[in-house]
Amino acid sequence: MVKKLTKHGNSWAVIIDKPLLKLLGINEKSKLELSVANGNLIIKPSAKKAKKSASEIDKIADRIMDKYEAVFKKLAKT
């Protein structure tokens, strides 16, 4: 597919057709990562980070505290 740049205010834009957007699972609210590799512009959906609930974070913190309890006690003494 060949595209031309389109003037958009003081910038230039590439219009992405709906079938491509659907294929990539992106929409107007999606964040995109732009990079350059070997002279090519690469546009891809930004990696989605799963949000952890408070209970999941508490469980992780408990595991860390259990694993490193002795280290934390030594640090607390200094």
Protein backbone atom coordinates (compact mmCIF):
# COMPACT_ATOMS: atom_id res chain seq x y z
CA MET A 1 0.00 0.00 0.00
CA VAL A 2 1.39 3.38 -0.98
CA LYS A 3 0.36 6.52 0.94
CA LYS A 4 1.06 10.23 0.60
CA LEU A 5 1.56 12.64 3.45
CA THR A 6 -1.33 15.00 4.18
CA LYS A 7 -0.91 18.50 5.62
CA HIS A 8 -2.36 18.68 9.15
CA GLY A 9 -1.84 22.12 10.75
CA ASN A 10 1.92 22.70 10.90
CA SER A 11 2.63 18.97 10.61
CA TRP A 12 2.24 16.16 8.12
CA ALA A 13 0.08 13.08 8.66
CA VAL A 14 -0.36 9.62 7.23
CA ILE A 15 -3.96 8.45 6.95
CA ILE A 16 -4.39 4.83 8.03
CA ASP A 17 -7.34 3.02 6.47
CA LYS A 18 -9.96 1.35 8.69
CA PRO A 19 -9.07 -2.22 7.63
CA LEU A 20 -5.48 -1.69 8.82
CA LEU A 21 -6.66 -0.12 12.08
CA LYS A 22 -8.96 -3.08 12.67
CA LEU A 23 -6.22 -5.57 11.83
CA LEU A 24 -3.87 -3.91 14.35
CA GLY A 25 -6.59 -3.51 16.97
CA ILE A 26 -6.06 0.24 17.30
CA ASN A 27 -8.38 3.23 17.26
CA GLU A 28 -8.22 7.02 17.69
CA LYS A 29 -7.39 6.62 21.41
CA SER A 30 -4.57 4.11 20.91
CA LYS A 31 -1.00 5.09 21.69
CA LEU A 32 1.48 4.22 18.98
CA GLU A 33 5.23 3.67 19.09
CA LEU A 34 7.24 5.14 16.22
CA SER A 35 10.79 4.04 15.48
CA VAL A 36 13.24 3.91 12.63
CA ALA A 37 15.12 0.77 11.60
CA ASN A 38 17.28 0.44 8.50
CA GLY A 39 15.78 3.60 7.01
CA ASN A 40 12.20 2.41 7.55
CA LEU A 41 9.58 4.10 9.68
CA ILE A 42 7.94 1.55 11.97
CA ILE A 43 4.57 2.34 13.54
CA LYS A 44 3.15 -0.17 16.01
CA PRO A 45 0.66 -0.21 18.85
CA SER A 46 2.22 0.68 22.18
CA ALA A 47 2.65 -2.28 24.48
CA LYS A 48 -0.26 -2.46 26.87
CA LYS A 49 0.71 -2.75 30.49
CA ALA A 50 -1.66 -4.71 32.63
CA LYS A 51 -2.74 -2.79 35.70
CA LYS A 52 -2.41 -4.67 38.94
CA SER A 53 -5.04 -4.47 41.64
CA ALA A 54 -4.18 -3.42 45.19
CA SER A 55 -4.50 -7.01 46.39
CA GLU A 56 -2.06 -8.23 43.72
CA ILE A 57 0.43 -5.54 44.74
CA ASP A 58 0.01 -6.53 48.41
CA LYS A 59 0.75 -10.17 47.54
CA ILE A 60 3.89 -9.18 45.64
CA ALA A 61 5.04 -6.96 48.52
CA ASP A 62 4.45 -9.80 51.00
CA ARG A 63 6.56 -12.20 48.89
CA ILE A 64 9.38 -9.64 48.72
CA MET A 65 9.22 -8.99 52.46
CA ASP A 66 9.33 -12.74 53.20
CA LYS A 67 12.20 -13.36 50.82
CA TYR A 68 14.37 -10.44 51.96
CA GLU A 69 13.33 -10.13 55.63
CA ALA A 70 16.87 -10.64 56.95
CA VAL A 71 18.30 -8.05 54.56
CA PHE A 72 15.67 -5.49 55.53
CA LYS A 73 16.38 -6.07 59.24
CA LYS A 74 20.11 -5.50 58.68
CA LEU A 75 19.40 -2.32 56.71
CA ALA A 76 17.10 -1.05 59.44
CA LYS A 77 19.91 -1.34 62.01
CA THR A 78 22.27 0.95 60.05
